[in-house]
N, C-alpha and C. Protein backbone atom coordinates (compact mmCIF):
# COMPACT_ATOMS: atom_id res chain seq x y z
N MET A 1 -4.37 -14.23 -2.77
CA MET A 1 -3.47 -13.48 -3.57
C MET A 1 -1.78 -12.86 -2.10
N THR A 2 -0.49 -13.28 -2.69
CA THR A 2 0.78 -13.24 -2.06
C THR A 2 0.40 -11.16 -2.22
N ILE A 3 0.81 -10.80 -0.35
CA ILE A 3 1.45 -9.60 -1.14
C ILE A 3 2.14 -8.72 -1.76
N ARG A 4 2.57 -8.43 -2.59
CA ARG A 4 2.94 -7.89 -3.37
C ARG A 4 4.90 -7.31 -3.11
N GLY A 5 5.90 -8.00 -3.53
CA GLY A 5 7.34 -7.39 -2.91
C GLY A 5 7.74 -8.37 -1.38
N LEU A 6 7.04 -9.13 -1.10
CA LEU A 6 6.68 -10.17 -1.00
C LEU A 6 7.11 -11.68 -0.58
N GLU A 7 7.47 -12.53 -2.40
CA GLU A 7 7.59 -12.88 -2.50
C GLU A 7 9.08 -13.93 -2.07
N PRO A 8 10.23 -13.33 -1.54
CA PRO A 8 10.46 -14.25 -1.65
C PRO A 8 11.00 -14.21 0.71
N LEU A 9 10.35 -13.56 0.64
CA LEU A 9 10.22 -14.55 2.53
C LEU A 9 8.58 -14.92 1.97
N LEU A 10 7.79 -15.53 1.14
CA LEU A 10 6.62 -16.53 0.93
C LEU A 10 7.81 -17.90 0.37
N ALA A 11 8.45 -17.93 -0.01
CA ALA A 11 9.54 -19.05 -0.30
C ALA A 11 10.76 -19.69 0.90
N PHE A 12 10.58 -17.98 1.32
CA PHE A 12 11.61 -18.63 2.53
C PHE A 12 10.98 -19.90 3.69
N ARG A 13 9.15 -19.06 3.59
CA ARG A 13 8.60 -19.37 4.85
C ARG A 13 8.32 -20.96 4.36
N LYS A 14 7.40 -20.93 2.60
CA LYS A 14 7.20 -21.72 2.42
C LYS A 14 8.88 -23.70 2.97
N GLU A 15 10.13 -23.05 3.06
CA GLU A 15 11.21 -23.98 3.12
C GLU A 15 10.82 -24.39 4.96
N GLY A 16 10.05 -24.27 5.77
CA GLY A 16 9.91 -24.12 6.98
C GLY A 16 10.11 -23.24 8.17
N LYS A 17 10.93 -21.53 7.17
CA LYS A 17 11.40 -21.12 8.18
C LYS A 17 11.31 -19.85 8.65
N LEU A 18 11.89 -19.39 10.11
CA LEU A 18 10.69 -17.97 10.58
C LEU A 18 12.40 -16.85 10.61
N PRO A 19 11.98 -15.99 9.92
CA PRO A 19 13.83 -15.37 9.38
C PRO A 19 13.15 -14.48 10.76
N SER A 20 14.15 -14.36 10.90
CA SER A 20 14.15 -13.22 12.58
C SER A 20 14.62 -11.92 12.70
N ARG A 21 13.39 -10.67 11.84
CA ARG A 21 13.27 -9.59 11.30
C ARG A 21 11.60 -9.09 11.16
N THR A 22 12.15 -7.81 11.39
CA THR A 22 10.41 -7.22 10.95
C THR A 22 10.02 -7.25 9.62
N VAL A 23 8.86 -6.44 9.48
CA VAL A 23 8.09 -6.30 8.37
C VAL A 23 7.01 -5.20 8.10
N LEU A 24 8.07 -4.38 7.13
CA LEU A 24 7.65 -3.39 6.41
C LEU A 24 6.55 -3.33 5.55
N LEU A 25 5.34 -2.72 6.18
CA LEU A 25 4.59 -2.82 4.60
C LEU A 25 3.47 -1.48 4.14
N PHE A 26 3.29 -1.24 3.42
CA PHE A 26 2.44 -0.12 3.68
C PHE A 26 1.19 -0.34 2.82
N ALA A 27 0.05 0.24 3.55
CA ALA A 27 -1.00 0.07 3.31
C ALA A 27 -2.28 1.03 2.21
N ASP A 28 -1.32 1.17 0.91
CA ASP A 28 -2.19 1.33 -0.48
C ASP A 28 -1.57 0.26 -1.42
N PRO A 29 -3.22 0.16 -1.35
CA PRO A 29 -2.98 -0.69 -2.65
C PRO A 29 -3.14 0.38 -4.22
N VAL A 30 -3.07 1.69 -4.03
CA VAL A 30 -3.62 1.88 -5.89
C VAL A 30 -1.69 2.37 -5.86
N LYS A 31 -1.24 2.98 -4.71
CA LYS A 31 -0.34 4.03 -5.07
C LYS A 31 0.63 4.31 -4.01
N PRO A 32 1.62 2.71 -3.44
CA PRO A 32 2.80 2.53 -2.72
C PRO A 32 3.67 3.29 -2.79
N ARG A 33 3.86 4.31 -2.00
CA ARG A 33 5.20 4.69 -1.25
C ARG A 33 6.13 3.85 -1.91
N LEU A 34 7.33 4.51 -2.75
CA LEU A 34 8.73 3.85 -2.71
C LEU A 34 10.00 4.14 -0.80
N TRP A 35 9.22 4.95 -0.71
CA TRP A 35 9.73 5.66 0.78
C TRP A 35 8.86 6.20 2.24
N ALA A 36 9.15 6.36 3.42
CA ALA A 36 8.70 7.54 4.01
C ALA A 36 9.61 8.02 4.84
N LYS A 37 8.97 8.88 5.85
CA LYS A 37 9.55 9.45 6.45
C LYS A 37 8.86 8.74 7.95
N PHE A 38 10.04 8.56 8.59
CA PHE A 38 9.21 8.32 9.69
C PHE A 38 10.45 9.64 11.36
N GLY A 39 10.28 10.26 12.04
CA GLY A 39 11.30 10.82 12.38
C GLY A 39 12.43 11.16 11.78
N ASP A 40 13.97 10.69 11.64
CA ASP A 40 15.03 11.42 12.04
C ASP A 40 15.04 10.07 11.14
N CYS A 41 13.92 9.17 10.22
CA CYS A 41 14.29 7.68 10.29
C CYS A 41 13.80 7.57 8.08
N LEU A 42 14.50 7.55 7.78
CA LEU A 42 13.68 6.42 6.06
C LEU A 42 14.04 5.02 6.36
N LEU A 43 11.79 4.93 5.87
CA LEU A 43 11.56 3.70 6.00
C LEU A 43 11.71 3.13 4.61
N MET A 44 11.46 2.20 3.50
CA MET A 44 11.41 2.00 2.90
C MET A 44 11.01 0.24 2.53
N PRO A 45 9.29 0.71 2.08
CA PRO A 45 7.94 -0.91 3.55
C PRO A 45 9.22 -1.50 2.15
N GLU A 46 9.03 -3.12 2.16
CA GLU A 46 8.74 -4.08 1.26
C GLU A 46 8.14 -4.61 0.61
N GLY A 47 6.32 -3.81 1.26
CA GLY A 47 5.34 -4.04 -0.05
C GLY A 47 4.32 -3.45 0.39
N ALA A 48 3.18 -4.00 0.03
CA ALA A 48 2.67 -3.32 -0.81
C ALA A 48 0.87 -3.99 -0.03
N VAL A 49 0.20 -4.01 1.07
CA VAL A 49 -0.76 -5.16 1.32
C VAL A 49 -2.02 -4.29 1.95
N THR A 50 -3.27 -5.40 1.00
CA THR A 50 -4.39 -5.77 1.18
C THR A 50 -5.20 -6.36 1.34
N MET A 51 -6.16 -5.86 1.79
CA MET A 51 -7.35 -6.96 2.92
C MET A 51 -7.22 -7.86 2.45
N LYS A 52 -7.74 -8.63 0.71
CA LYS A 52 -7.73 -8.98 -0.02
C LYS A 52 -6.52 -10.33 -1.00
N ASP A 53 -5.12 -10.24 0.56
CA ASP A 53 -4.00 -10.77 0.49
C ASP A 53 -4.16 -11.78 1.41
N ASP A 54 -3.17 -13.01 1.45
CA ASP A 54 -3.33 -14.07 2.24
C ASP A 54 -1.34 -13.44 3.07
N MET A 55 -2.39 -13.44 4.16
CA MET A 55 -1.26 -12.44 4.82
C MET A 55 -0.34 -14.05 6.37
N ARG A 56 -0.97 -15.11 5.71
CA ARG A 56 -0.86 -16.35 6.70
C ARG A 56 1.31 -16.40 6.48
N VAL A 57 1.09 -15.57 5.32
CA VAL A 57 2.95 -15.38 5.76
C VAL A 57 3.79 -14.75 6.36
N LEU A 58 2.59 -13.71 7.41
CA LEU A 58 2.99 -13.55 8.77
C LEU A 58 3.18 -13.76 9.74
N VAL A 59 3.05 -15.22 10.03
CA VAL A 59 2.99 -15.37 11.23
C VAL A 59 3.74 -16.01 11.99
N GLY A 60 3.96 -15.08 13.27
CA GLY A 60 4.66 -14.99 13.45
C GLY A 60 5.60 -14.55 13.17
N LEU A 61 5.53 -13.04 12.75
CA LEU A 61 6.71 -11.74 12.46
C LEU A 61 6.21 -10.75 13.30
N ASP A 62 6.77 -10.01 13.74
CA ASP A 62 6.87 -8.34 13.57
C ASP A 62 6.50 -7.40 12.32
N VAL A 63 5.41 -7.13 12.57
CA VAL A 63 5.07 -6.04 11.34
C VAL A 63 5.33 -4.68 11.89
N ILE A 64 5.37 -3.77 11.13
CA ILE A 64 5.15 -1.99 10.68
C ILE A 64 4.85 -1.85 9.85
N LEU A 65 2.58 -2.02 9.71
CA LEU A 65 2.10 -0.82 8.70
C LEU A 65 2.23 0.20 8.51
N LEU A 66 2.63 0.67 7.71
CA LEU A 66 2.72 2.08 7.36
C LEU A 66 1.57 2.81 5.84
N ALA A 67 0.45 3.59 6.74
CA ALA A 67 -0.40 4.24 5.80
C ALA A 67 -0.43 5.36 5.56
N GLN A 68 -0.74 6.44 5.27
CA GLN A 68 -1.17 7.83 4.42
C GLN A 68 -2.69 8.00 5.10
N SER A 69 -3.59 7.38 5.86
CA SER A 69 -4.45 7.53 6.86
C SER A 69 -4.83 6.43 7.79
N ALA A 70 -5.22 7.06 8.48
CA ALA A 70 -6.13 6.10 9.81
C ALA A 70 -7.36 5.46 9.68
N ASP A 71 -7.45 6.10 8.19
CA ASP A 71 -9.33 5.48 7.95
C ASP A 71 -9.71 4.55 7.88
N ALA A 72 -11.40 3.98 6.93
CA ALA A 72 -11.48 2.80 7.65
C ALA A 72 -10.29 1.43 6.66
N GLY A 73 -9.96 2.02 5.14
CA GLY A 73 -9.27 0.33 4.68
C GLY A 73 -8.03 0.24 5.56
N PRO A 74 -7.06 1.10 6.24
CA PRO A 74 -6.27 0.60 6.51
C PRO A 74 -6.23 0.13 8.06
N PHE A 75 -7.41 0.61 8.73
CA PHE A 75 -7.33 0.62 9.87
C PHE A 75 -8.15 -1.20 9.49
N ALA A 76 -8.38 -1.44 9.00
CA ALA A 76 -9.35 -2.98 8.73
C ALA A 76 -7.99 -3.53 8.57
N ILE A 77 -6.54 -3.69 7.79
CA ILE A 77 -5.42 -4.38 7.22
C ILE A 77 -5.26 -3.88 8.32
N PHE A 78 -5.05 -3.04 9.83
CA PHE A 78 -5.00 -3.21 10.82
C PHE A 78 -5.09 -4.82 11.75
N ASN A 79 -6.14 -4.71 11.62
CA ASN A 79 -7.23 -5.07 12.00
C ASN A 79 -6.81 -6.60 12.26
N LYS A 80 -6.43 -7.51 10.49
CA LYS A 80 -6.47 -8.56 10.33
C LYS A 80 -5.46 -8.56 9.90
N LEU A 81 -3.86 -7.73 9.96
CA LEU A 81 -2.61 -8.18 11.02
C LEU A 81 -2.77 -9.11 12.01
N LYS A 82 -3.04 -8.38 13.34
CA LYS A 82 -3.64 -9.29 14.23
C LYS A 82 -4.10 -10.57 14.80
N GLU A 83 -4.23 -10.69 13.14
CA GLU A 83 -5.12 -12.30 13.54
C GLU A 83 -3.28 -13.19 13.00
N TYR A 84 -2.47 -12.88 12.32
CA TYR A 84 -1.04 -13.22 11.74
C TYR A 84 -0.17 -13.25 12.44
N ALA A 85 0.22 -11.55 12.87
CA ALA A 85 1.75 -11.65 13.45
C ALA A 85 1.28 -11.21 14.26
N ARG A 86 3.13 -12.18 14.84
CA ARG A 86 3.00 -11.49 16.23
C ARG A 86 3.08 -10.45 17.15
N SER A 87 3.17 -9.10 15.97
CA SER A 87 3.10 -8.28 16.75
C SER A 87 2.74 -7.12 15.72
N VAL A 88 2.01 -6.35 15.74
CA VAL A 88 2.88 -5.13 14.62
C VAL A 88 2.19 -3.82 15.12
N MET A 89 3.16 -2.38 14.20
CA MET A 89 2.44 -1.45 14.82
C MET A 89 1.84 -0.89 13.56
N PHE A 90 1.25 0.25 13.58
CA PHE A 90 0.09 0.51 12.79
C PHE A 90 1.39 2.44 13.54
N VAL A 91 1.40 3.10 11.59
CA VAL A 91 2.04 4.41 11.79
C VAL A 91 1.46 5.45 10.63
N VAL A 92 0.94 5.71 11.11
CA VAL A 92 0.13 7.14 10.42
C VAL A 92 1.60 8.00 10.21
N LEU A 93 1.10 8.47 8.38
CA LEU A 93 2.24 8.99 8.55
C LEU A 93 1.30 10.41 7.29
N PRO A 94 1.63 11.17 7.06
CA PRO A 94 2.86 12.54 7.93
C PRO A 94 2.73 12.35 9.73
N LEU A 95 1.81 12.20 9.54
CA LEU A 95 1.14 12.75 11.06
C LEU A 95 2.12 11.51 12.64
N ASN A 96 3.08 10.90 12.32
CA ASN A 96 3.53 10.20 13.25
C ASN A 96 2.34 9.78 14.39
N ASP A 97 1.95 8.80 14.45
CA ASP A 97 0.33 8.44 14.50
C ASP A 97 0.20 7.30 14.76
N GLY A 98 -0.19 6.44 15.56
CA GLY A 98 -0.74 5.96 15.01
C GLY A 98 -0.79 4.55 16.28
N TYR A 99 -0.85 2.96 16.58
CA TYR A 99 -1.33 2.02 17.57
C TYR A 99 -0.30 1.52 17.18
N ILE A 100 0.25 0.04 18.73
CA ILE A 100 0.73 -0.33 18.45
C ILE A 100 0.43 -1.96 19.27
N TRP A 101 0.74 -3.30 19.18
CA TRP A 101 -0.68 -4.65 19.56
C TRP A 101 0.53 -5.61 19.31
N ASP A 102 0.59 -6.98 20.66
CA ASP A 102 0.80 -7.55 20.96
C ASP A 102 0.27 -8.37 20.85
N LYS A 103 0.00 -9.92 20.88
CA LYS A 103 -1.52 -10.76 22.18
C LYS A 103 -0.99 -10.60 23.63
N ALA A 104 0.38 -10.14 24.44
CA ALA A 104 0.67 -10.22 25.19
C ALA A 104 -0.12 -9.28 25.62
N ASN A 105 -0.01 -7.14 25.46
CA ASN A 105 -0.41 -6.48 25.91
C ASN A 105 -1.58 -6.29 25.09
N GLY A 106 -1.84 -6.61 24.64
CA GLY A 106 -2.69 -5.08 23.98
C GLY A 106 -2.19 -4.32 22.71
N GLU A 107 -3.38 -3.77 22.49
CA GLU A 107 -3.47 -2.20 21.56
C GLU A 107 -3.28 -1.34 22.67
N ARG A 108 -2.49 -0.14 22.10
CA ARG A 108 -2.64 0.61 21.79
C ARG A 108 -1.41 1.58 21.72
N ALA A 109 -1.98 3.87 22.20
CA ALA A 109 -1.22 4.42 21.06
C ALA A 109 -0.22 4.36 21.18
N LEU A 110 1.12 4.35 19.80
CA LEU A 110 2.22 5.29 20.22
C LEU A 110 2.86 5.96 20.94
C-alpha cells in the first residue's frame, strides 16, 4: 500500500528520479493532523504512514516522522523507516523530543 499523500512522489520515483528534498510524514494512521507546531515552525506533513505501507518510495531520501507519542506504534515505524531512508528524524509532538538516525552516525537523541 502506498503511503497516503505520497502518490505524486511515487509517480516521480517510477520515472527513475530522486528528489532532493526531505519528506515530512505523520505517524497517526487513524487521524492524521494537517499541521504540527515544532518550536517556532509550523509543519505540514505530506502523508500519514503505517507499518503496512510500502516504504520503498523513500529509499535514499531524508524523512522527518512526526508523532503524538513515542509508544510502540510510532517507534516501530521509525525503525522500519531506517531500512529505507537515508536519514530519519523522529519528532514527538508537542514534547519536541525524539531521535535522529542516519547510516553514518547511527541513532541519537534530538
